[in-house]
């Protein structure tokens, strides 16, 4: 599994914003589809909320292939 760290520039970031900012989704629509297709987990749990607020130390996994830790 590929592991990355994403440096937070504010206290909170939306899940869709993270997917776009990290380069795993080119558009907001693509990011929404990733969530709708159940490809995203946050802290080990399937995430279905597109506007989920993420904080430092949260861990987002994409399709079991990429793990992004927010710092």
PDB file of N, CA and C in Angstrom:
ATOM      1  N   UNK A   1       0.840  -1.174   0.000  1.00  0.00           N
ATOM      2  CA  UNK A   1       0.000   0.000   0.000  1.00  0.00           C
ATOM      3  C   UNK A   1       0.890   1.244   0.000  1.00  0.00           C
ATOM      4  N   UNK A   2       0.533   2.180  -0.820  1.00  0.00           N
ATOM      5  CA  UNK A   2       1.258   3.454  -0.893  1.00  0.00           C
ATOM      6  C   UNK A   2       0.839   4.333   0.288  1.00  0.00           C
ATOM      7  N   UNK A   3       1.816   4.896   0.993  1.00  0.00           N
ATOM      8  CA  UNK A   3       1.514   5.740   2.146  1.00  0.00           C
ATOM      9  C   UNK A   3       2.020   7.151   1.909  1.00  0.00           C
ATOM     10  N   UNK A   4       1.180   8.125   2.264  1.00  0.00           N
ATOM     11  CA  UNK A   4       1.522   9.530   2.073  1.00  0.00           C
ATOM     12  C   UNK A   4       1.099  10.326   3.296  1.00  0.00           C
ATOM     13  N   UNK A   5       1.679  11.510   3.414  1.00  0.00           N
ATOM     14  CA  UNK A   5       1.232  12.461   4.417  1.00  0.00           C
ATOM     15  C   UNK A   5       0.734  13.705   3.696  1.00  0.00           C
ATOM     16  N   UNK A   6      -0.335  14.269   4.210  1.00  0.00           N
ATOM     17  CA  UNK A   6      -0.901  15.493   3.652  1.00  0.00           C
ATOM     18  C   UNK A   6      -0.801  16.567   4.718  1.00  0.00           C
ATOM     19  N   UNK A   7      -0.092  17.639   4.402  1.00  0.00           N
ATOM     20  CA  UNK A   7       0.102  18.720   5.377  1.00  0.00           C
ATOM     21  C   UNK A   7      -1.110  19.644   5.379  1.00  0.00           C
ATOM     22  N   UNK A   8      -1.743  19.749   6.532  1.00  0.00           N
ATOM     23  CA  UNK A   8      -2.921  20.595   6.696  1.00  0.00           C
ATOM     24  C   UNK A   8      -2.503  22.062   6.711  1.00  0.00           C
ATOM     25  N   UNK A   9      -3.260  22.900   6.023  1.00  0.00           N
ATOM     26  CA  UNK A   9      -3.017  24.342   6.040  1.00  0.00           C
ATOM     27  C   UNK A   9      -4.040  25.065   6.911  1.00  0.00           C
ATOM     28  N   UNK A  10      -5.038  24.319   7.355  1.00  0.00           N
ATOM     29  CA  UNK A  10      -6.041  24.847   8.283  1.00  0.00           C
ATOM     30  C   UNK A  10      -6.405  23.711   9.233  1.00  0.00           C
ATOM     31  N   UNK A  11      -7.264  23.978  10.192  1.00  0.00           N
ATOM     32  CA  UNK A  11      -7.605  22.955  11.181  1.00  0.00           C
ATOM     33  C   UNK A  11      -8.472  21.852  10.606  1.00  0.00           C
ATOM     34  N   UNK A  12      -9.255  22.172   9.552  1.00  0.00           N
ATOM     35  CA  UNK A  12     -10.227  21.238   8.996  1.00  0.00           C
ATOM     36  C   UNK A  12     -10.164  21.281   7.473  1.00  0.00           C
ATOM     37  N   UNK A  13     -10.401  20.124   6.839  1.00  0.00           N
ATOM     38  CA  UNK A  13     -10.545  20.056   5.382  1.00  0.00           C
ATOM     39  C   UNK A  13     -11.655  19.055   5.068  1.00  0.00           C
ATOM     40  N   UNK A  14     -12.477  19.372   4.074  1.00  0.00           N
ATOM     41  CA  UNK A  14     -13.515  18.436   3.637  1.00  0.00           C
ATOM     42  C   UNK A  14     -12.882  17.258   2.908  1.00  0.00           C
ATOM     43  N   UNK A  15     -13.531  16.118   2.992  1.00  0.00           N
ATOM     44  CA  UNK A  15     -13.046  14.920   2.313  1.00  0.00           C
ATOM     45  C   UNK A  15     -12.867  15.159   0.815  1.00  0.00           C
ATOM     46  N   UNK A  16     -13.851  15.777   0.174  1.00  0.00           N
ATOM     47  CA  UNK A  16     -13.744  16.017  -1.267  1.00  0.00           C
ATOM     48  C   UNK A  16     -12.580  16.940  -1.591  1.00  0.00           C
ATOM     49  N   UNK A  17     -12.366  17.957  -0.759  1.00  0.00           N
ATOM     50  CA  UNK A  17     -11.244  18.868  -0.965  1.00  0.00           C
ATOM     51  C   UNK A  17      -9.917  18.117  -0.839  1.00  0.00           C
ATOM     52  N   UNK A  18      -9.824  17.210   0.119  1.00  0.00           N
ATOM     53  CA  UNK A  18      -8.606  16.424   0.294  1.00  0.00           C
ATOM     54  C   UNK A  18      -8.331  15.576  -0.943  1.00  0.00           C
ATOM     55  N   UNK A  19      -9.353  14.910  -1.456  1.00  0.00           N
ATOM     56  CA  UNK A  19      -9.156  14.050  -2.625  1.00  0.00           C
ATOM     57  C   UNK A  19      -8.662  14.851  -3.825  1.00  0.00           C
ATOM     58  N   UNK A  20      -9.170  16.069  -3.987  1.00  0.00           N
ATOM     59  CA  UNK A  20      -8.715  16.921  -5.085  1.00  0.00           C
ATOM     60  C   UNK A  20      -7.314  17.471  -4.807  1.00  0.00           C
ATOM     61  N   UNK A  21      -7.091  17.989  -3.602  1.00  0.00           N
ATOM     62  CA  UNK A  21      -5.802  18.609  -3.270  1.00  0.00           C
ATOM     63  C   UNK A  21      -4.653  17.608  -3.299  1.00  0.00           C
ATOM     64  N   UNK A  22      -4.937  16.355  -2.991  1.00  0.00           N
ATOM     65  CA  UNK A  22      -3.887  15.335  -2.984  1.00  0.00           C
ATOM     66  C   UNK A  22      -3.651  14.748  -4.380  1.00  0.00           C
ATOM     67  N   UNK A  23      -4.506  15.122  -5.334  1.00  0.00           N
ATOM     68  CA  UNK A  23      -4.310  14.688  -6.716  1.00  0.00           C
ATOM     69  C   UNK A  23      -4.967  13.372  -7.073  1.00  0.00           C
ATOM     70  N   UNK A  24      -5.750  12.786  -6.182  1.00  0.00           N
ATOM     71  CA  UNK A  24      -6.404  11.508  -6.478  1.00  0.00           C
ATOM     72  C   UNK A  24      -7.739  11.674  -7.179  1.00  0.00           C
ATOM     73  N   UNK A  25      -8.259  12.889  -7.191  1.00  0.00           N
ATOM     74  CA  UNK A  25      -9.463  13.193  -7.957  1.00  0.00           C
ATOM     75  C   UNK A  25      -9.187  14.497  -8.717  1.00  0.00           C
ATOM     76  N   UNK A  26      -9.476  14.486 -10.004  1.00  0.00           N
ATOM     77  CA  UNK A  26      -9.212  15.659 -10.826  1.00  0.00           C
ATOM     78  C   UNK A  26     -10.289  16.726 -10.650  1.00  0.00           C
ATOM     79  N   UNK A  27     -11.511  16.282 -10.332  1.00  0.00           N
ATOM     80  CA  UNK A  27     -12.629  17.211 -10.192  1.00  0.00           C
ATOM     81  C   UNK A  27     -13.450  16.838  -8.962  1.00  0.00           C
ATOM     82  N   UNK A  28     -14.320  17.761  -8.573  1.00  0.00           N
ATOM     83  CA  UNK A  28     -15.231  17.462  -7.472  1.00  0.00           C
ATOM     84  C   UNK A  28     -16.157  16.308  -7.812  1.00  0.00           C
ATOM     85  N   UNK A  29     -16.581  16.242  -9.061  1.00  0.00           N
ATOM     86  CA  UNK A  29     -17.451  15.139  -9.492  1.00  0.00           C
ATOM     87  C   UNK A  29     -16.772  13.797  -9.376  1.00  0.00           C
ATOM     88  N   UNK A  30     -15.506  13.749  -9.740  1.00  0.00           N
ATOM     89  CA  UNK A  30     -14.752  12.504  -9.624  1.00  0.00           C
ATOM     90  C   UNK A  30     -14.595  12.106  -8.155  1.00  0.00           C
ATOM     91  N   UNK A  31     -14.351  13.090  -7.298  1.00  0.00           N
ATOM     92  CA  UNK A  31     -14.219  12.819  -5.866  1.00  0.00           C
ATOM     93  C   UNK A  31     -15.535  12.287  -5.302  1.00  0.00           C
ATOM     94  N   UNK A  32     -16.658  12.877  -5.713  1.00  0.00           N
ATOM     95  CA  UNK A  32     -17.973  12.401  -5.255  1.00  0.00           C
ATOM     96  C   UNK A  32     -18.207  10.965  -5.675  1.00  0.00           C
ATOM     97  N   UNK A  33     -17.835  10.629  -6.904  1.00  0.00           N
ATOM     98  CA  UNK A  33     -18.016   9.263  -7.392  1.00  0.00           C
ATOM     99  C   UNK A  33     -17.189   8.269  -6.574  1.00  0.00           C
ATOM    100  N   UNK A  34     -15.987   8.667  -6.175  1.00  0.00           N
ATOM    101  CA  UNK A  34     -15.150   7.781  -5.366  1.00  0.00           C
ATOM    102  C   UNK A  34     -15.842   7.457  -4.043  1.00  0.00           C
ATOM    103  N   UNK A  35     -16.469   8.464  -3.438  1.00  0.00           N
ATOM    104  CA  UNK A  35     -17.183   8.247  -2.177  1.00  0.00           C
ATOM    105  C   UNK A  35     -18.423   7.387  -2.428  1.00  0.00           C
ATOM    106  N   UNK A  36     -19.193   7.719  -3.460  1.00  0.00           N
ATOM    107  CA  UNK A  36     -20.412   6.969  -3.778  1.00  0.00           C
ATOM    108  C   UNK A  36     -20.111   5.517  -4.129  1.00  0.00           C
ATOM    109  N   UNK A  37     -18.964   5.261  -4.737  1.00  0.00           N
ATOM    110  CA  UNK A  37     -18.579   3.893  -5.105  1.00  0.00           C
ATOM    111  C   UNK A  37     -17.953   3.126  -3.944  1.00  0.00           C
ATOM    112  N   UNK A  38     -17.999   3.727  -2.745  1.00  0.00           N
ATOM    113  CA  UNK A  38     -17.507   3.106  -1.509  1.00  0.00           C
ATOM    114  C   UNK A  38     -16.027   2.727  -1.592  1.00  0.00           C
ATOM    115  N   UNK A  39     -15.226   3.633  -2.140  1.00  0.00           N
ATOM    116  CA  UNK A  39     -13.785   3.406  -2.255  1.00  0.00           C
ATOM    117  C   UNK A  39     -13.000   4.062  -1.133  1.00  0.00           C
ATOM    118  N   UNK A  40     -13.685   4.832  -0.274  1.00  0.00           N
ATOM    119  CA  UNK A  40     -12.996   5.648   0.721  1.00  0.00           C
ATOM    120  C   UNK A  40     -13.312   5.174   2.139  1.00  0.00           C
ATOM    121  N   UNK A  41     -12.254   5.011   2.946  1.00  0.00           N
ATOM    122  CA  UNK A  41     -12.442   4.798   4.373  1.00  0.00           C
ATOM    123  C   UNK A  41     -11.712   5.915   5.121  1.00  0.00           C
ATOM    124  N   UNK A  42     -12.261   6.277   6.274  1.00  0.00           N
ATOM    125  CA  UNK A  42     -11.638   7.266   7.144  1.00  0.00           C
ATOM    126  C   UNK A  42     -11.468   6.605   8.509  1.00  0.00           C
ATOM    127  N   UNK A  43     -10.244   6.561   8.959  1.00  0.00           N
ATOM    128  CA  UNK A  43      -9.913   5.935  10.238  1.00  0.00           C
ATOM    129  C   UNK A  43     -10.454   4.505  10.317  1.00  0.00           C
ATOM    130  N   UNK A  44     -10.364   3.791   9.187  1.00  0.00           N
ATOM    131  CA  UNK A  44     -10.738   2.383   9.143  1.00  0.00           C
ATOM    132  C   UNK A  44     -12.208   2.091   8.925  1.00  0.00           C
ATOM    133  N   UNK A  45     -13.044   3.120   8.779  1.00  0.00           N
ATOM    134  CA  UNK A  45     -14.475   2.916   8.577  1.00  0.00           C
ATOM    135  C   UNK A  45     -14.910   3.481   7.231  1.00  0.00           C
ATOM    136  N   UNK A  46     -15.784   2.753   6.546  1.00  0.00           N
ATOM    137  CA  UNK A  46     -16.310   3.190   5.259  1.00  0.00           C
ATOM    138  C   UNK A  46     -16.942   4.572   5.410  1.00  0.00           C
ATOM    139  N   UNK A  47     -16.584   5.486   4.532  1.00  0.00           N
ATOM    140  CA  UNK A  47     -17.111   6.858   4.619  1.00  0.00           C
ATOM    141  C   UNK A  47     -18.054   7.128   3.462  1.00  0.00           C
ATOM    142  N   UNK A  48     -19.254   7.561   3.777  1.00  0.00           N
ATOM    143  CA  UNK A  48     -20.261   7.860   2.759  1.00  0.00           C
ATOM    144  C   UNK A  48     -20.612   9.342   2.737  1.00  0.00           C
ATOM    145  N   UNK A  49     -20.089  10.114   3.705  1.00  0.00           N
ATOM    146  CA  UNK A  49     -20.381  11.558   3.758  1.00  0.00           C
ATOM    147  C   UNK A  49     -19.346  12.310   2.926  1.00  0.00           C
ATOM    148  N   UNK A  50     -19.802  12.950   1.883  1.00  0.00           N
ATOM    149  CA  UNK A  50     -18.897  13.652   0.971  1.00  0.00           C
ATOM    150  C   UNK A  50     -18.258  14.872   1.625  1.00  0.00           C
ATOM    151  N   UNK A  51     -18.947  15.484   2.533  1.00  0.00           N
ATOM    152  CA  UNK A  51     -18.453  16.698   3.191  1.00  0.00           C
ATOM    153  C   UNK A  51     -17.865  16.402   4.571  1.00  0.00           C
ATOM    154  N   UNK A  52     -17.478  15.164   4.794  1.00  0.00           N
ATOM    155  CA  UNK A  52     -16.867  14.784   6.069  1.00  0.00           C
ATOM    156  C   UNK A  52     -15.710  15.732   6.391  1.00  0.00           C
ATOM    157  N   UNK A  53     -15.716  16.272   7.591  1.00  0.00           N
ATOM    158  CA  UNK A  53     -14.648  17.169   8.033  1.00  0.00           C
ATOM    159  C   UNK A  53     -13.500  16.331   8.575  1.00  0.00           C
ATOM    160  N   UNK A  54     -12.317  16.547   8.030  1.00  0.00           N
ATOM    161  CA  UNK A  54     -11.128  15.807   8.439  1.00  0.00           C
ATOM    162  C   UNK A  54     -10.213  16.710   9.251  1.00  0.00           C
ATOM    163  N   UNK A  55      -9.524  16.103  10.225  1.00  0.00           N
ATOM    164  CA  UNK A  55      -8.625  16.846  11.105  1.00  0.00           C
ATOM    165  C   UNK A  55      -7.254  16.174  11.079  1.00  0.00           C
ATOM    166  N   UNK A  56      -6.293  16.859  11.667  1.00  0.00           N
ATOM    167  CA  UNK A  56      -4.955  16.309  11.791  1.00  0.00           C
ATOM    168  C   UNK A  56      -5.013  14.943  12.463  1.00  0.00           C
ATOM    169  N   UNK A  57      -4.226  14.009  11.984  1.00  0.00           N
ATOM    170  CA  UNK A  57      -4.112  12.633  12.470  1.00  0.00           C
ATOM    171  C   UNK A  57      -5.190  11.694  11.917  1.00  0.00           C
ATOM    172  N   UNK A  58      -6.162  12.209  11.151  1.00  0.00           N
ATOM    173  CA  UNK A  58      -7.105  11.317  10.478  1.00  0.00           C
ATOM    174  C   UNK A  58      -6.359  10.560   9.389  1.00  0.00           C
ATOM    175  N   UNK A  59      -6.833   9.353   9.101  1.00  0.00           N
ATOM    176  CA  UNK A  59      -6.215   8.515   8.073  1.00  0.00           C
ATOM    177  C   UNK A  59      -7.281   8.160   7.039  1.00  0.00           C
ATOM    178  N   UNK A  60      -7.016   8.521   5.789  1.00  0.00           N
ATOM    179  CA  UNK A  60      -7.936   8.265   4.685  1.00  0.00           C
ATOM    180  C   UNK A  60      -7.315   7.205   3.785  1.00  0.00           C
ATOM    181  N   UNK A  61      -8.082   6.151   3.481  1.00  0.00           N
ATOM    182  CA  UNK A  61      -7.619   5.131   2.542  1.00  0.00           C
ATOM    183  C   UNK A  61      -8.480   5.174   1.292  1.00  0.00           C
ATOM    184  N   UNK A  62      -7.819   5.005   0.153  1.00  0.00           N
ATOM    185  CA  UNK A  62      -8.495   5.022  -1.135  1.00  0.00           C
ATOM    186  C   UNK A  62      -8.376   3.644  -1.750  1.00  0.00           C
ATOM    187  N   UNK A  63      -9.500   2.948  -1.819  1.00  0.00           N
ATOM    188  CA  UNK A  63      -9.602   1.641  -2.472  1.00  0.00           C
ATOM    189  C   UNK A  63      -8.564   0.639  -1.954  1.00  0.00           C
ATOM    190  N   UNK A  64      -8.157   0.761  -0.701  1.00  0.00           N
ATOM    191  CA  UNK A  64      -7.191  -0.159  -0.122  1.00  0.00           C
ATOM    192  C   UNK A  64      -5.804  -0.085  -0.734  1.00  0.00           C
ATOM    193  N   UNK A  65      -5.557   0.948  -1.558  1.00  0.00           N
ATOM    194  CA  UNK A  65      -4.285   1.055  -2.256  1.00  0.00           C
ATOM    195  C   UNK A  65      -3.433   2.221  -1.784  1.00  0.00           C
ATOM    196  N   UNK A  66      -4.086   3.280  -1.273  1.00  0.00           N
ATOM    197  CA  UNK A  66      -3.373   4.482  -0.849  1.00  0.00           C
ATOM    198  C   UNK A  66      -3.848   4.844   0.565  1.00  0.00           C
ATOM    199  N   UNK A  67      -2.894   5.167   1.415  1.00  0.00           N
ATOM    200  CA  UNK A  67      -3.222   5.628   2.764  1.00  0.00           C
ATOM    201  C   UNK A  67      -2.642   7.027   2.934  1.00  0.00           C
ATOM    202  N   UNK A  68      -3.516   7.988   3.249  1.00  0.00           N
ATOM    203  CA  UNK A  68      -3.098   9.375   3.444  1.00  0.00           C
ATOM    204  C   UNK A  68      -3.317   9.728   4.914  1.00  0.00           C
ATOM    205  N   UNK A  69      -2.249  10.111   5.572  1.00  0.00           N
ATOM    206  CA  UNK A  69      -2.326  10.559   6.952  1.00  0.00           C
ATOM    207  C   UNK A  69      -2.247  12.084   6.966  1.00  0.00           C
ATOM    208  N   UNK A  70      -3.197  12.727   7.614  1.00  0.00           N
ATOM    209  CA  UNK A  70      -3.204  14.168   7.687  1.00  0.00           C
ATOM    210  C   UNK A  70      -2.329  14.621   8.853  1.00  0.00           C
ATOM    211  N   UNK A  71      -1.454  15.572   8.564  1.00  0.00           N
ATOM    212  CA  UNK A  71      -0.561  16.094   9.600  1.00  0.00           C
ATOM    213  C   UNK A  71      -0.645  17.607   9.651  1.00  0.00           C
TER     214      UNK A  71
END
